[in-house]
Amino acid sequence: MYDALFEGSGLSLDRLRSLCQIEKAGGITRAASLVGPANPTAKQAQFSRQIKELEGFFKIDILDRNVQPYRLTDEGKRLARLAHQLLGGLNDFTLSCENHPVRLSMASGESLIQWILMPLLKDFRKALPMASIAFLNRRSKEIAEGLINGDIDLGLMRQSAVTKQLKSQTLDSVGYRLYVPKSLRRRGLGETVRVDELQGLPLAVLEGGGEFRTALDGLVSQAKLSQLYDLECSSATQVAYAITSGSYAGILPEFAAPVLGKGKVTAHKIKGFNLKRTLTIAWNPRRAESLPTIQKAVDTLLRLSRLK
């Protein structure tokens, strides 16, 4: 059984761990300075030797030495992903055998962590008493990569970023609303407002060229309006802070309403702004086989999430 793994020398858990450290750091030199800061030169030499030994065992080039600095080849990246999964599974199994808390890393954008995941902490703690939870602020593309290589256990992300290697469960789609502090509310501002009615209203929005901003800019351009935005923010949480200050209105997903304060703001649909945000829980089924806590966390999130 597994004879090919025992027919030569050069393969070991320690060497595979070094490969994972190099892949995560982006290169041997940086990995050596992070892992062996006391003597990075010696650590770099050790890493180089271990990679050559792995190359000898698998008979492949793990590093592309035709570029500076050296980078992992496609086969090297594939081996690193397998090593992450293998070592992660063994590490989790070891901890569970010793009745130590198992680390469960959950990644999402900062606003989703604060507005969806953090309010569920008490229930998560009750459902997963042996889990040590880590929240990671990541973009959807980074979450997908982390789920594949084993750095992340569970992701709350865009459905469009989920790859074929992952399993996922789609949550309900939510729309966007204009939130207006009571101090700024004007007469005649109905449940649904036209985009031209936003003129004269101090407005905070997300900056950049993402899906949200592209859709909003298109609506503003169609209405032939100019200089509609009074505050541009780099995150949804910044927009929320601006709204709660009472100095700005802002456009946010519907699930932001509870954090803005009940009775302190009014919510309005924007006519023609039909963008929907569909969020997905994603995980790596191969990692879930070795860490049952992942599936339990998925079931718990589906049961508790206010988006279910």
Protein backbone atom coordinates (compact mmCIF):
# COMPACT_ATOMS: atom_id res chain seq x y z
CA MET A 1 0.00 0.00 0.00
CA TYR A 2 1.31 3.46 -0.98
CA ASP A 3 4.51 1.78 -2.20
CA ALA A 4 5.58 4.78 -4.31
CA LEU A 5 6.01 6.85 -1.17
CA PHE A 6 8.52 4.41 0.32
CA GLU A 7 10.68 3.50 -2.68
CA GLY A 8 13.08 6.43 -2.34
CA SER A 9 14.54 8.90 0.12
CA GLY A 10 13.96 12.62 0.51
CA LEU A 11 10.31 12.70 1.60
CA SER A 12 9.44 13.66 5.18
CA LEU A 13 6.90 15.68 7.12
CA ASP A 14 9.61 18.19 8.05
CA ARG A 15 10.49 18.79 4.39
CA LEU A 16 6.83 19.18 3.48
CA ARG A 17 6.40 21.69 6.30
CA SER A 18 9.33 23.69 4.93
CA LEU A 19 7.68 23.69 1.50
CA CYS A 20 4.47 25.03 3.06
CA GLN A 21 6.42 27.75 4.87
CA ILE A 22 8.15 28.77 1.63
CA GLU A 23 4.88 28.81 -0.31
CA LYS A 24 3.14 30.88 2.35
CA ALA A 25 5.99 33.40 2.60
CA GLY A 26 6.35 33.71 -1.18
CA GLY A 27 9.94 32.53 -1.39
CA ILE A 28 12.88 30.92 0.43
CA THR A 29 14.57 34.14 1.53
CA ARG A 30 11.48 35.62 3.13
CA ALA A 31 10.49 32.28 4.69
CA ALA A 32 13.97 31.97 6.23
CA SER A 33 13.76 35.45 7.76
CA LEU A 34 10.31 34.71 9.21
CA VAL A 35 10.98 31.20 10.52
CA GLY A 36 14.64 31.60 11.55
CA PRO A 37 15.17 35.28 12.35
CA ALA A 38 18.13 34.51 14.63
CA ASN A 39 20.11 32.98 11.75
CA PRO A 40 18.26 33.42 8.44
CA THR A 41 21.31 32.43 6.37
CA ALA A 42 21.49 28.99 7.96
CA LYS A 43 17.71 28.57 7.64
CA GLN A 44 17.83 29.54 3.98
CA ALA A 45 20.51 26.91 3.35
CA GLN A 46 18.38 24.31 5.14
CA PHE A 47 15.32 25.22 3.07
CA SER A 48 17.31 25.02 -0.17
CA ARG A 49 18.65 21.59 0.75
CA GLN A 50 15.21 20.28 1.72
CA ILE A 51 13.62 21.51 -1.52
CA LYS A 52 16.35 19.78 -3.56
CA GLU A 53 15.70 16.57 -1.63
CA LEU A 54 11.97 16.82 -2.37
CA GLU A 55 12.75 17.48 -6.03
CA GLY A 56 14.95 14.38 -6.05
CA PHE A 57 12.20 12.25 -4.53
CA PHE A 58 9.40 13.43 -6.82
CA LYS A 59 11.69 13.96 -9.85
CA ILE A 60 10.21 17.39 -10.58
CA ASP A 61 11.31 21.02 -10.39
CA ILE A 62 9.64 22.56 -7.35
CA LEU A 63 11.37 25.91 -7.81
CA ASP A 64 11.72 27.91 -11.02
CA ARG A 65 15.37 28.93 -10.85
CA ASN A 66 15.26 30.88 -14.10
CA VAL A 67 13.68 33.86 -12.34
CA GLN A 68 14.77 36.03 -9.44
CA PRO A 69 13.72 35.53 -6.76
CA TYR A 70 13.00 31.84 -7.23
CA ARG A 71 9.30 30.99 -7.42
CA LEU A 72 7.35 27.77 -7.08
CA THR A 73 6.57 25.99 -10.33
CA ASP A 74 3.04 24.84 -11.07
CA GLU A 75 3.98 21.37 -9.82
CA GLY A 76 5.55 22.94 -6.74
CA LYS A 77 2.33 24.84 -5.99
CA ARG A 78 0.31 21.66 -6.43
CA LEU A 79 2.60 19.77 -4.03
CA ALA A 80 2.38 22.63 -1.54
CA ARG A 81 -1.43 22.46 -1.59
CA LEU A 82 -1.32 18.72 -0.95
CA ALA A 83 1.18 19.24 1.86
CA HIS A 84 -1.01 21.90 3.50
CA GLN A 85 -3.97 19.51 3.46
CA LEU A 86 -1.95 16.55 4.75
CA LEU A 87 -0.20 18.43 7.56
CA GLY A 88 -3.33 20.33 8.53
CA GLY A 89 -5.33 17.12 8.82
CA LEU A 90 -2.63 15.38 10.87
CA ASN A 91 -2.25 18.40 13.14
CA ASP A 92 -6.00 18.57 13.77
CA PHE A 93 -6.15 14.83 14.44
CA THR A 94 -3.29 15.09 16.92
CA LEU A 95 -4.98 17.92 18.81
CA SER A 96 -8.30 16.07 18.93
CA CYS A 97 -6.61 12.93 20.29
CA GLU A 98 -5.09 15.02 23.08
CA ASN A 99 -8.41 16.78 23.76
CA HIS A 100 -6.89 20.14 22.86
CA PRO A 101 -9.09 22.84 21.27
CA VAL A 102 -9.08 22.57 17.48
CA ARG A 103 -8.42 25.85 15.67
CA LEU A 104 -11.25 26.78 13.31
CA SER A 105 -10.36 29.64 10.97
CA MET A 106 -13.30 31.53 9.45
CA ALA A 107 -12.60 34.13 6.78
CA SER A 108 -14.75 36.91 5.35
CA GLY A 109 -14.76 40.63 4.73
CA GLU A 110 -14.51 42.85 7.80
CA SER A 111 -18.12 44.06 7.62
CA LEU A 112 -19.45 40.49 7.42
CA ILE A 113 -17.27 39.43 10.34
CA GLN A 114 -18.58 42.30 12.46
CA TRP A 115 -22.23 42.24 11.38
CA ILE A 116 -22.92 38.53 10.81
CA LEU A 117 -20.27 36.34 12.45
CA MET A 118 -19.45 38.26 15.64
CA PRO A 119 -23.09 38.39 16.82
CA LEU A 120 -23.17 34.58 16.56
CA LEU A 121 -20.13 34.01 18.79
CA LYS A 122 -22.11 32.99 21.86
CA ASP A 123 -24.05 30.38 19.91
CA PHE A 124 -20.91 29.18 18.13
CA ARG A 125 -19.19 28.74 21.47
CA LYS A 126 -22.10 26.65 22.71
CA ALA A 127 -22.30 24.51 19.55
CA LEU A 128 -18.51 24.08 19.15
CA PRO A 129 -17.08 24.00 22.69
CA MET A 130 -13.80 22.39 21.62
CA ALA A 131 -13.11 24.87 18.81
CA SER A 132 -10.71 27.79 19.07
CA ILE A 133 -12.16 30.25 16.54
CA ALA A 134 -10.07 32.66 14.48
CA PHE A 135 -11.69 35.34 12.31
CA LEU A 136 -9.64 36.38 9.28
CA ASN A 137 -10.34 39.52 7.23
CA ARG A 138 -9.87 38.40 3.62
CA ARG A 139 -11.19 39.15 0.13
CA SER A 140 -13.21 36.44 -1.64
CA LYS A 141 -10.34 35.46 -3.96
CA GLU A 142 -7.97 35.11 -1.00
CA ILE A 143 -10.57 33.04 0.85
CA ALA A 144 -10.88 30.60 -2.06
CA GLU A 145 -7.09 30.19 -2.22
CA GLY A 146 -6.90 29.68 1.55
CA LEU A 147 -9.66 27.07 1.52
CA ILE A 148 -7.87 25.13 -1.22
CA ASN A 149 -4.44 25.11 0.45
CA GLY A 150 -5.81 24.46 3.94
CA ASP A 151 -5.00 27.81 5.58
CA ILE A 152 -8.71 28.60 5.97
CA ASP A 153 -11.42 26.22 7.17
CA LEU A 154 -14.61 28.13 6.38
CA GLY A 155 -15.36 31.14 4.23
CA LEU A 156 -18.27 33.54 3.96
CA MET A 157 -17.80 34.92 0.46
CA ARG A 158 -19.18 35.74 -2.98
CA GLN A 159 -20.67 32.79 -4.85
CA SER A 160 -18.80 33.81 -8.02
CA ALA A 161 -15.45 33.23 -6.25
CA VAL A 162 -16.19 29.62 -5.28
CA THR A 163 -14.04 27.17 -7.27
CA LYS A 164 -14.81 23.60 -8.30
CA GLN A 165 -12.58 22.15 -5.56
CA LEU A 166 -14.87 23.59 -2.88
CA LYS A 167 -18.31 22.80 -1.54
CA SER A 168 -20.68 25.64 -0.80
CA GLN A 169 -24.11 26.54 0.52
CA THR A 170 -25.73 29.71 -0.77
CA LEU A 171 -27.47 31.99 1.69
CA ASP A 172 -30.34 34.29 0.80
CA SER A 173 -29.59 37.22 -1.50
CA VAL A 174 -29.97 40.66 0.05
CA GLY A 175 -30.42 44.04 -1.55
CA TYR A 176 -29.13 47.48 -0.65
CA ARG A 177 -30.86 50.32 1.14
CA LEU A 178 -30.29 54.01 1.64
CA TYR A 179 -29.98 54.60 5.38
CA VAL A 180 -30.75 58.12 6.60
CA PRO A 181 -30.15 59.29 10.20
CA LYS A 182 -33.20 60.90 11.73
CA SER A 183 -31.29 64.17 11.99
CA LEU A 184 -31.01 64.30 8.19
CA ARG A 185 -34.41 62.98 7.16
CA ARG A 186 -36.34 65.32 4.88
CA ARG A 187 -40.05 65.61 4.33
CA GLY A 188 -41.32 63.73 1.35
CA LEU A 189 -38.59 61.08 1.50
CA GLY A 190 -40.70 57.98 0.91
CA GLU A 191 -40.09 54.28 1.23
CA THR A 192 -38.66 54.31 -2.31
CA VAL A 193 -36.58 57.25 -3.49
CA ARG A 194 -35.32 58.31 -6.90
CA VAL A 195 -31.60 58.80 -7.29
CA ASP A 196 -32.09 62.53 -8.00
CA GLU A 197 -33.69 62.86 -4.55
CA LEU A 198 -30.28 62.09 -3.04
CA GLN A 199 -28.99 65.47 -4.14
CA GLY A 200 -28.46 67.78 -1.19
CA LEU A 201 -28.26 64.77 1.16
CA PRO A 202 -24.72 64.24 2.57
CA LEU A 203 -23.98 60.80 1.15
CA ALA A 204 -21.31 58.26 2.16
CA VAL A 205 -20.52 55.43 -0.26
CA LEU A 206 -17.85 52.84 -0.95
CA GLU A 207 -15.05 53.99 -3.22
CA GLY A 208 -13.42 51.94 -5.99
CA GLY A 209 -14.52 50.13 -9.10
CA GLY A 210 -16.30 47.12 -7.66
CA GLU A 211 -19.71 45.74 -8.53
CA PHE A 212 -21.49 48.05 -6.10
CA ARG A 213 -19.84 51.26 -7.24
CA THR A 214 -20.17 50.38 -10.93
CA ALA A 215 -23.94 49.86 -10.55
CA LEU A 216 -24.40 53.04 -8.51
CA ASP A 217 -22.27 55.18 -10.84
CA GLY A 218 -24.28 53.90 -13.79
CA LEU A 219 -27.54 54.96 -12.15
CA VAL A 220 -26.11 58.38 -11.28
CA SER A 221 -24.82 58.86 -14.83
CA GLN A 222 -28.18 57.83 -16.29
CA ALA A 223 -29.86 60.52 -14.20
CA LYS A 224 -27.25 63.04 -15.45
CA LEU A 225 -26.21 63.98 -11.93
CA SER A 226 -22.81 65.21 -10.80
CA GLN A 227 -20.96 65.37 -7.46
CA LEU A 228 -23.41 63.20 -5.56
CA TYR A 229 -20.91 61.67 -3.11
CA ASP A 230 -19.79 63.64 -0.07
CA LEU A 231 -17.74 60.89 1.58
CA GLU A 232 -16.02 57.93 -0.08
CA CYS A 233 -14.96 55.07 2.19
CA SER A 234 -12.72 52.04 1.72
CA SER A 235 -14.98 49.70 3.71
CA ALA A 236 -18.64 49.19 4.53
CA THR A 237 -17.87 49.54 8.23
CA GLN A 238 -16.57 53.05 7.56
CA VAL A 239 -19.83 53.92 5.80
CA ALA A 240 -21.73 52.57 8.82
CA TYR A 241 -19.70 54.73 11.21
CA ALA A 242 -20.43 57.75 9.03
CA ILE A 243 -24.18 57.02 9.21
CA THR A 244 -24.19 56.50 12.97
CA SER A 245 -22.37 59.81 13.41
CA GLY A 246 -25.58 61.47 12.25
CA SER A 247 -23.68 63.55 9.67
CA TYR A 248 -24.15 61.34 6.61
CA ALA A 249 -26.66 59.12 4.91
CA GLY A 250 -25.22 56.00 3.29
CA ILE A 251 -25.94 52.98 1.11
CA LEU A 252 -25.32 49.57 2.67
CA PRO A 253 -26.59 45.95 2.40
CA GLU A 254 -29.83 45.23 4.25
CA PHE A 255 -28.08 43.10 6.86
CA ALA A 256 -26.33 46.24 8.15
CA ALA A 257 -29.58 47.61 9.60
CA PRO A 258 -29.20 46.13 13.14
CA VAL A 259 -25.79 47.74 13.70
CA LEU A 260 -27.07 51.19 12.71
CA GLY A 261 -29.39 51.35 15.70
CA LYS A 262 -33.09 50.59 15.86
CA GLY A 263 -35.12 53.75 15.50
CA LYS A 264 -32.06 55.90 14.77
CA VAL A 265 -32.18 55.59 10.97
CA THR A 266 -34.77 55.08 8.27
CA ALA A 267 -34.27 52.66 5.38
CA HIS A 268 -35.26 53.45 1.79
CA LYS A 269 -35.15 51.56 -1.47
CA ILE A 270 -33.48 53.37 -4.37
CA LYS A 271 -35.51 53.13 -7.56
CA GLY A 272 -33.56 51.36 -10.29
CA PHE A 273 -30.78 50.18 -7.97
CA ASN A 274 -31.48 46.45 -8.04
CA LEU A 275 -28.05 45.09 -7.14
CA LYS A 276 -28.23 41.98 -4.97
CA ARG A 277 -25.49 40.60 -2.75
CA THR A 278 -25.49 36.82 -2.60
CA LEU A 279 -23.26 35.32 0.07
CA THR A 280 -22.07 31.75 0.25
CA ILE A 281 -20.59 29.54 2.94
CA ALA A 282 -17.72 27.63 1.35
CA TRP A 283 -15.37 24.92 2.60
CA ASN A 284 -12.95 22.28 1.35
CA PRO A 285 -14.64 18.84 1.49
CA ARG A 286 -11.29 17.03 1.71
CA ARG A 287 -10.27 19.05 4.76
CA ALA A 288 -13.72 18.57 6.29
CA GLU A 289 -13.16 14.80 6.18
CA SER A 290 -10.20 15.15 8.55
CA LEU A 291 -11.76 17.96 10.61
CA PRO A 292 -15.45 17.19 11.33
CA THR A 293 -15.71 20.50 13.17
CA ILE A 294 -15.91 22.22 9.77
CA GLN A 295 -19.20 20.54 8.81
CA LYS A 296 -20.56 21.18 12.28
CA ALA A 297 -19.64 24.87 11.89
CA VAL A 298 -21.37 25.00 8.50
CA ASP A 299 -24.56 23.49 9.95
CA THR A 300 -24.41 25.90 12.89
CA LEU A 301 -23.95 28.94 10.68
CA LEU A 302 -26.83 27.91 8.43
CA ARG A 303 -29.06 27.46 11.45
CA LEU A 304 -28.13 30.67 13.19
CA SER A 305 -27.45 33.13 10.42
CA ARG A 306 -29.98 35.87 10.07
CA LEU A 307 -29.53 35.49 6.31
CA LYS A 308 -30.80 31.90 6.24
